[in-house]
Amino acid sequence: MKRVMVTPILLGCLLLALADCGKKGSPEAPGPADRIIFPRSYPAPD
């Protein structure tokens, strides 16, 4: 009975861990490059 409960939990964890695999390229902020305000240094320059 314990195996019946543990198997779906482990499969679910594996699927969640692999959900982000296969994404292409590095993350990029949306929008034109001249309008991107993040990341910005802290505190903001005056």
N, C-alpha and C. Protein backbone atom coordinates (compact mmCIF):
# COMPACT_ATOMS: atom_id res chain seq x y z
N MET A 1 0.82 -1.20 0.00
CA MET A 1 0.00 0.00 0.00
C MET A 1 0.86 1.26 0.00
N LYS A 2 1.97 1.20 0.74
CA LYS A 2 2.86 2.35 0.82
C LYS A 2 3.48 2.66 -0.55
N ARG A 3 3.82 1.61 -1.28
CA ARG A 3 4.43 1.78 -2.60
C ARG A 3 3.44 2.44 -3.57
N VAL A 4 2.17 2.13 -3.42
CA VAL A 4 1.14 2.70 -4.29
C VAL A 4 1.03 4.20 -4.08
N MET A 5 1.29 4.68 -2.88
CA MET A 5 1.20 6.11 -2.59
C MET A 5 2.50 6.84 -2.93
N VAL A 6 3.63 6.18 -2.74
CA VAL A 6 4.93 6.83 -2.94
C VAL A 6 5.24 6.99 -4.43
N THR A 7 4.88 6.04 -5.25
CA THR A 7 5.21 6.08 -6.67
C THR A 7 4.63 7.30 -7.37
N PRO A 8 3.35 7.62 -7.24
CA PRO A 8 2.83 8.82 -7.91
C PRO A 8 3.46 10.11 -7.38
N ILE A 9 3.77 10.14 -6.10
CA ILE A 9 4.40 11.33 -5.53
C ILE A 9 5.79 11.54 -6.13
N LEU A 10 6.57 10.46 -6.22
CA LEU A 10 7.91 10.56 -6.81
C LEU A 10 7.84 10.92 -8.29
N LEU A 11 6.90 10.35 -9.02
CA LEU A 11 6.74 10.69 -10.43
C LEU A 11 6.34 12.15 -10.60
N GLY A 12 5.47 12.64 -9.75
CA GLY A 12 5.08 14.05 -9.80
C GLY A 12 6.25 14.97 -9.52
N CYS A 13 7.07 14.62 -8.55
CA CYS A 13 8.26 15.44 -8.25
C CYS A 13 9.23 15.43 -9.42
N LEU A 14 9.40 14.29 -10.05
CA LEU A 14 10.29 14.20 -11.20
C LEU A 14 9.77 15.05 -12.35
N LEU A 15 8.48 15.00 -12.61
CA LEU A 15 7.90 15.80 -13.69
C LEU A 15 8.04 17.30 -13.41
N LEU A 16 7.85 17.70 -12.17
CA LEU A 16 8.02 19.11 -11.83
C LEU A 16 9.46 19.56 -11.97
N ALA A 17 10.40 18.68 -11.61
CA ALA A 17 11.82 19.03 -11.72
C ALA A 17 12.24 19.16 -13.18
N LEU A 18 11.63 18.38 -14.05
CA LEU A 18 12.00 18.41 -15.47
C LEU A 18 11.16 19.37 -16.29
N ALA A 19 10.21 20.04 -15.68
CA ALA A 19 9.28 20.89 -16.43
C ALA A 19 9.98 22.06 -17.10
N ASP A 20 11.08 22.53 -16.55
CA ASP A 20 11.77 23.70 -17.11
C ASP A 20 12.87 23.31 -18.10
N CYS A 21 13.15 22.05 -18.25
CA CYS A 21 14.20 21.62 -19.17
C CYS A 21 13.76 21.85 -20.62
N GLY A 22 14.72 22.17 -21.46
CA GLY A 22 14.42 22.33 -22.86
C GLY A 22 14.13 23.75 -23.28
N LYS A 23 14.16 24.69 -22.37
CA LYS A 23 13.96 26.09 -22.75
C LYS A 23 15.20 26.56 -23.50
N LYS A 24 14.99 27.30 -24.57
CA LYS A 24 16.11 27.74 -25.40
C LYS A 24 16.57 29.14 -25.01
N GLY A 25 17.87 29.33 -24.99
CA GLY A 25 18.45 30.65 -24.76
C GLY A 25 18.38 31.10 -23.31
N SER A 26 19.08 32.18 -23.05
CA SER A 26 19.07 32.74 -21.70
C SER A 26 17.85 33.63 -21.54
N PRO A 27 17.41 33.85 -20.31
CA PRO A 27 16.24 34.69 -20.09
C PRO A 27 16.52 36.14 -20.51
N GLU A 28 15.55 36.76 -21.13
CA GLU A 28 15.67 38.14 -21.57
C GLU A 28 14.44 38.92 -21.10
N ALA A 29 14.68 40.14 -20.71
CA ALA A 29 13.56 40.98 -20.29
C ALA A 29 12.72 41.35 -21.50
N PRO A 30 11.40 41.42 -21.35
CA PRO A 30 10.55 41.77 -22.48
C PRO A 30 10.66 43.25 -22.81
N GLY A 31 10.40 43.58 -24.04
CA GLY A 31 10.39 44.97 -24.46
C GLY A 31 11.68 45.40 -25.12
N PRO A 32 11.69 46.63 -25.64
CA PRO A 32 12.89 47.14 -26.29
C PRO A 32 14.03 47.37 -25.29
N ALA A 33 15.25 47.23 -25.75
CA ALA A 33 16.42 47.32 -24.86
C ALA A 33 16.54 48.68 -24.18
N ASP A 34 16.12 49.75 -24.82
CA ASP A 34 16.27 51.07 -24.21
C ASP A 34 15.22 51.36 -23.14
N ARG A 35 14.20 50.51 -23.03
CA ARG A 35 13.15 50.72 -22.04
C ARG A 35 13.25 49.77 -20.84
N ILE A 36 14.24 48.86 -20.84
CA ILE A 36 14.40 47.90 -19.76
C ILE A 36 15.03 48.60 -18.57
N ILE A 37 14.34 48.57 -17.42
CA ILE A 37 14.86 49.27 -16.25
C ILE A 37 15.38 48.31 -15.18
N PHE A 38 15.22 47.02 -15.38
CA PHE A 38 15.72 46.04 -14.42
C PHE A 38 16.73 45.17 -15.11
N PRO A 39 17.78 44.68 -14.52
CA PRO A 39 18.16 44.99 -13.15
C PRO A 39 18.77 46.38 -13.05
N ARG A 40 18.51 47.01 -11.98
CA ARG A 40 19.09 48.33 -11.75
C ARG A 40 19.81 48.31 -10.42
N SER A 41 20.79 49.19 -10.29
CA SER A 41 21.55 49.23 -9.04
C SER A 41 20.72 49.84 -7.93
N TYR A 42 21.06 49.50 -6.72
CA TYR A 42 20.34 50.03 -5.57
C TYR A 42 21.33 50.77 -4.70
N PRO A 43 21.05 51.92 -4.25
CA PRO A 43 19.88 52.74 -4.55
C PRO A 43 19.98 53.35 -5.93
N ALA A 44 18.84 53.77 -6.44
CA ALA A 44 18.78 54.35 -7.78
C ALA A 44 19.58 55.65 -7.81
N PRO A 45 20.32 55.88 -8.88
CA PRO A 45 21.09 57.13 -8.97
C PRO A 45 20.17 58.33 -9.03
N ASP A 46 20.59 59.41 -8.41
CA ASP A 46 19.78 60.65 -8.40
C ASP A 46 19.96 61.44 -9.65
